[in-house]
Amino acid sequence: MRYREVSLLHIQILRRRRHDGTWREIDEHSHDTEHMLVAISDYSLADDTTGKGVISREVKSGGVEYLPAGITHVLTNTGKEEARFIAIIFK
């Protein structure tokens, strides 16, 4: 059995509210490798992926999402609370 090396990139909190009451977003970024998001809290995100449009992501605490390599996207918290998740990046 082959094992893959993984890197725990960071714990992400998508983020506190701005003064005008809107949520901040994670700016446009790209992933060269596949990755997973592990939800630390319930969250609702708008995932605006280049070439695919906006996908709504509703995940409960403990849920896991797989995201493929080669995407460029912007994440925006559309929920009422902070979105907390761990990003696991595969090398």
N, C-alpha and C. Protein backbone atom coordinates (compact mmCIF):
# COMPACT_ATOMS: atom_id res chain seq x y z
N MET A 1 0.84 -1.17 0.00
CA MET A 1 0.00 0.00 0.00
C MET A 1 0.89 1.24 0.00
N ARG A 2 0.58 2.17 -0.87
CA ARG A 2 1.32 3.43 -0.91
C ARG A 2 0.64 4.46 -0.02
N TYR A 3 1.45 5.23 0.65
CA TYR A 3 0.95 6.31 1.48
C TYR A 3 1.35 7.63 0.86
N ARG A 4 0.52 8.61 1.02
CA ARG A 4 0.82 9.92 0.49
C ARG A 4 1.25 10.83 1.62
N GLU A 5 2.23 11.67 1.35
CA GLU A 5 2.64 12.66 2.33
C GLU A 5 1.61 13.78 2.33
N VAL A 6 1.24 14.23 3.51
CA VAL A 6 0.31 15.35 3.62
C VAL A 6 0.93 16.46 4.44
N SER A 7 0.43 17.63 4.23
CA SER A 7 0.90 18.79 4.96
C SER A 7 -0.31 19.49 5.55
N LEU A 8 -0.31 19.70 6.85
CA LEU A 8 -1.37 20.47 7.47
C LEU A 8 -1.04 21.93 7.24
N LEU A 9 -1.74 22.51 6.30
CA LEU A 9 -1.42 23.87 5.89
C LEU A 9 -1.78 24.88 6.96
N HIS A 10 -2.99 24.85 7.42
CA HIS A 10 -3.42 25.82 8.41
C HIS A 10 -4.82 25.53 8.90
N ILE A 11 -5.14 26.12 10.01
CA ILE A 11 -6.53 26.17 10.46
C ILE A 11 -7.07 27.50 9.97
N GLN A 12 -8.14 27.47 9.22
CA GLN A 12 -8.69 28.68 8.62
C GLN A 12 -9.97 29.07 9.34
N ILE A 13 -10.08 30.33 9.65
CA ILE A 13 -11.34 30.88 10.14
C ILE A 13 -11.78 31.90 9.11
N LEU A 14 -12.91 31.68 8.53
CA LEU A 14 -13.41 32.57 7.48
C LEU A 14 -14.47 33.45 8.07
N ARG A 15 -14.16 34.53 8.16
CA ARG A 15 -13.49 35.39 9.07
C ARG A 15 -14.49 36.16 9.85
N ARG A 16 -14.04 37.09 10.60
CA ARG A 16 -14.94 37.94 11.37
C ARG A 16 -15.64 38.93 10.44
N ARG A 17 -16.75 39.42 10.92
CA ARG A 17 -17.50 40.40 10.13
C ARG A 17 -16.74 41.71 9.98
N ARG A 18 -16.93 42.34 8.84
CA ARG A 18 -16.42 43.69 8.63
C ARG A 18 -17.30 44.66 9.41
N HIS A 19 -16.87 45.86 9.49
CA HIS A 19 -17.67 46.87 10.20
C HIS A 19 -19.03 47.12 9.56
N ASP A 20 -19.13 46.89 8.25
CA ASP A 20 -20.41 47.11 7.58
C ASP A 20 -21.34 45.90 7.67
N GLY A 21 -20.92 44.84 8.40
CA GLY A 21 -21.77 43.67 8.62
C GLY A 21 -21.60 42.56 7.61
N THR A 22 -20.83 42.79 6.54
CA THR A 22 -20.62 41.72 5.56
C THR A 22 -19.45 40.85 5.99
N TRP A 23 -19.38 39.65 5.43
CA TRP A 23 -18.28 38.74 5.74
C TRP A 23 -17.13 38.98 4.79
N ARG A 24 -15.95 38.78 5.30
CA ARG A 24 -14.77 38.80 4.44
C ARG A 24 -14.70 37.49 3.67
N GLU A 25 -13.78 37.46 2.73
CA GLU A 25 -13.60 36.26 1.94
C GLU A 25 -12.13 35.89 1.91
N ILE A 26 -11.87 34.68 1.46
CA ILE A 26 -10.49 34.28 1.17
C ILE A 26 -10.26 34.66 -0.28
N ASP A 27 -9.30 35.53 -0.51
CA ASP A 27 -9.02 36.05 -1.85
C ASP A 27 -8.77 34.92 -2.84
N GLU A 28 -8.86 35.26 -4.12
CA GLU A 28 -8.62 34.28 -5.18
C GLU A 28 -7.24 33.63 -4.98
N HIS A 29 -7.24 32.32 -5.06
CA HIS A 29 -6.01 31.56 -4.90
C HIS A 29 -6.14 30.25 -5.68
N SER A 30 -5.01 29.60 -5.92
CA SER A 30 -4.99 28.36 -6.70
C SER A 30 -4.40 27.23 -5.88
N HIS A 31 -4.77 26.02 -6.25
CA HIS A 31 -4.25 24.81 -5.61
C HIS A 31 -3.64 23.92 -6.68
N ASP A 32 -2.36 23.65 -6.57
CA ASP A 32 -1.69 22.76 -7.52
C ASP A 32 -1.94 21.30 -7.19
N THR A 33 -2.29 21.02 -5.93
CA THR A 33 -2.52 19.64 -5.50
C THR A 33 -3.92 19.53 -4.91
N GLU A 34 -4.40 18.29 -4.79
CA GLU A 34 -5.70 18.08 -4.17
C GLU A 34 -5.62 18.41 -2.69
N HIS A 35 -6.77 18.68 -2.10
CA HIS A 35 -6.81 19.02 -0.69
C HIS A 35 -8.17 18.67 -0.10
N MET A 36 -8.22 18.69 1.21
CA MET A 36 -9.46 18.40 1.92
C MET A 36 -9.70 19.51 2.93
N LEU A 37 -10.97 19.80 3.17
CA LEU A 37 -11.37 20.70 4.24
C LEU A 37 -12.09 19.88 5.29
N VAL A 38 -11.67 20.01 6.54
CA VAL A 38 -12.31 19.34 7.66
C VAL A 38 -13.00 20.41 8.49
N ALA A 39 -14.30 20.34 8.61
CA ALA A 39 -15.08 21.38 9.29
C ALA A 39 -14.90 21.30 10.79
N ILE A 40 -14.49 22.41 11.39
CA ILE A 40 -14.42 22.52 12.84
C ILE A 40 -15.73 23.09 13.37
N SER A 41 -16.43 23.84 12.53
CA SER A 41 -17.75 24.37 12.86
C SER A 41 -18.66 24.12 11.67
N ASP A 42 -19.97 24.24 11.89
CA ASP A 42 -20.89 24.25 10.75
C ASP A 42 -20.52 25.46 9.90
N TYR A 43 -20.61 25.32 8.58
CA TYR A 43 -20.38 26.49 7.74
C TYR A 43 -21.17 26.45 6.45
N SER A 44 -21.35 27.64 5.92
CA SER A 44 -21.96 27.85 4.61
C SER A 44 -21.01 28.74 3.83
N LEU A 45 -20.54 28.25 2.69
CA LEU A 45 -19.59 29.00 1.88
C LEU A 45 -20.10 29.10 0.45
N ALA A 46 -19.80 30.22 -0.18
CA ALA A 46 -19.94 30.35 -1.62
C ALA A 46 -18.54 30.14 -2.19
N ASP A 47 -18.39 29.14 -3.04
CA ASP A 47 -17.11 28.80 -3.65
C ASP A 47 -17.18 29.19 -5.12
N ASP A 48 -16.54 30.32 -5.46
CA ASP A 48 -16.55 30.83 -6.83
C ASP A 48 -15.30 30.31 -7.54
N THR A 49 -15.48 29.22 -8.29
CA THR A 49 -14.37 28.54 -8.97
C THR A 49 -14.29 29.02 -10.41
N THR A 50 -13.09 29.46 -10.81
CA THR A 50 -12.87 29.94 -12.17
C THR A 50 -13.31 28.89 -13.18
N GLY A 51 -14.15 29.31 -14.11
CA GLY A 51 -14.63 28.42 -15.17
C GLY A 51 -15.82 27.56 -14.79
N LYS A 52 -16.21 27.57 -13.50
CA LYS A 52 -17.33 26.72 -13.07
C LYS A 52 -18.43 27.51 -12.39
N GLY A 53 -18.17 28.75 -12.02
CA GLY A 53 -19.18 29.56 -11.35
C GLY A 53 -19.19 29.32 -9.85
N VAL A 54 -20.29 29.73 -9.22
CA VAL A 54 -20.40 29.67 -7.77
C VAL A 54 -21.12 28.40 -7.34
N ILE A 55 -20.52 27.69 -6.38
CA ILE A 55 -21.11 26.50 -5.79
C ILE A 55 -21.34 26.79 -4.31
N SER A 56 -22.53 26.48 -3.79
CA SER A 56 -22.81 26.64 -2.36
C SER A 56 -22.36 25.41 -1.61
N ARG A 57 -21.64 25.62 -0.51
CA ARG A 57 -21.16 24.51 0.32
C ARG A 57 -21.76 24.65 1.71
N GLU A 58 -22.55 23.68 2.12
CA GLU A 58 -23.15 23.62 3.45
C GLU A 58 -22.57 22.40 4.14
N VAL A 59 -21.76 22.60 5.18
CA VAL A 59 -21.07 21.49 5.82
C VAL A 59 -21.26 21.58 7.34
N LYS A 60 -21.55 20.47 7.95
CA LYS A 60 -21.70 20.38 9.41
C LYS A 60 -20.34 20.12 10.05
N SER A 61 -20.20 20.52 11.28
CA SER A 61 -18.97 20.28 12.04
C SER A 61 -18.61 18.79 11.97
N GLY A 62 -17.35 18.50 11.65
CA GLY A 62 -16.89 17.12 11.50
C GLY A 62 -16.95 16.63 10.07
N GLY A 63 -17.64 17.37 9.21
CA GLY A 63 -17.74 16.99 7.80
C GLY A 63 -16.42 17.20 7.08
N VAL A 64 -16.22 16.45 6.00
CA VAL A 64 -14.99 16.54 5.22
C VAL A 64 -15.36 16.77 3.76
N GLU A 65 -14.66 17.70 3.13
CA GLU A 65 -14.84 17.96 1.70
C GLU A 65 -13.53 17.71 0.97
N TYR A 66 -13.63 17.11 -0.20
CA TYR A 66 -12.46 16.89 -1.07
C TYR A 66 -12.52 17.92 -2.18
N LEU A 67 -11.39 18.58 -2.45
CA LEU A 67 -11.28 19.52 -3.56
C LEU A 67 -10.14 19.09 -4.46
N PRO A 68 -10.38 19.03 -5.76
CA PRO A 68 -9.37 18.52 -6.68
C PRO A 68 -8.22 19.50 -6.91
N ALA A 69 -7.15 19.00 -7.47
CA ALA A 69 -6.01 19.84 -7.85
C ALA A 69 -6.39 20.70 -9.05
N GLY A 70 -5.65 21.80 -9.19
CA GLY A 70 -5.78 22.61 -10.39
C GLY A 70 -6.92 23.60 -10.40
N ILE A 71 -7.47 23.92 -9.24
CA ILE A 71 -8.57 24.89 -9.22
C ILE A 71 -8.07 26.26 -8.75
N THR A 72 -8.76 27.27 -9.22
CA THR A 72 -8.56 28.64 -8.74
C THR A 72 -9.93 29.10 -8.27
N HIS A 73 -9.99 29.62 -7.03
CA HIS A 73 -11.30 29.99 -6.50
C HIS A 73 -11.21 31.06 -5.42
N VAL A 74 -12.38 31.60 -5.08
CA VAL A 74 -12.57 32.55 -4.00
C VAL A 74 -13.64 31.95 -3.09
N LEU A 75 -13.39 31.94 -1.77
CA LEU A 75 -14.37 31.45 -0.81
C LEU A 75 -14.95 32.63 -0.04
N THR A 76 -16.28 32.66 0.08
CA THR A 76 -16.96 33.69 0.85
C THR A 76 -17.89 33.02 1.84
N ASN A 77 -17.81 33.43 3.09
CA ASN A 77 -18.69 32.90 4.12
C ASN A 77 -20.07 33.51 3.93
N THR A 78 -21.07 32.67 3.70
CA THR A 78 -22.44 33.15 3.53
C THR A 78 -23.31 32.84 4.74
N GLY A 79 -22.71 32.24 5.78
CA GLY A 79 -23.45 31.88 6.98
C GLY A 79 -23.54 33.03 7.97
N LYS A 80 -24.17 32.74 9.10
CA LYS A 80 -24.35 33.74 10.15
C LYS A 80 -23.21 33.76 11.15
N GLU A 81 -22.38 32.71 11.16
CA GLU A 81 -21.27 32.59 12.10
C GLU A 81 -19.96 32.44 11.34
N GLU A 82 -18.86 32.51 12.07
CA GLU A 82 -17.56 32.25 11.47
C GLU A 82 -17.51 30.82 10.94
N ALA A 83 -16.87 30.64 9.82
CA ALA A 83 -16.65 29.31 9.26
C ALA A 83 -15.25 28.88 9.66
N ARG A 84 -15.14 27.77 10.37
CA ARG A 84 -13.83 27.29 10.83
C ARG A 84 -13.57 25.92 10.22
N PHE A 85 -12.39 25.78 9.61
CA PHE A 85 -12.04 24.50 9.01
C PHE A 85 -10.52 24.36 8.95
N ILE A 86 -10.09 23.11 8.83
CA ILE A 86 -8.68 22.79 8.65
C ILE A 86 -8.50 22.40 7.19
N ALA A 87 -7.49 22.99 6.56
CA ALA A 87 -7.16 22.63 5.18
C ALA A 87 -6.01 21.64 5.21
N ILE A 88 -6.21 20.47 4.62
CA ILE A 88 -5.18 19.45 4.52
C ILE A 88 -4.75 19.39 3.06
N ILE A 89 -3.49 19.69 2.80
CA ILE A 89 -2.98 19.76 1.44
C ILE A 89 -2.13 18.52 1.17
N PHE A 90 -2.42 17.80 0.07
CA PHE A 90 -1.66 16.62 -0.31
C PHE A 90 -0.50 17.05 -1.17
N LYS A 91 0.67 16.45 -0.91
CA LYS A 91 1.87 16.76 -1.72
C LYS A 91 2.03 15.75 -2.81
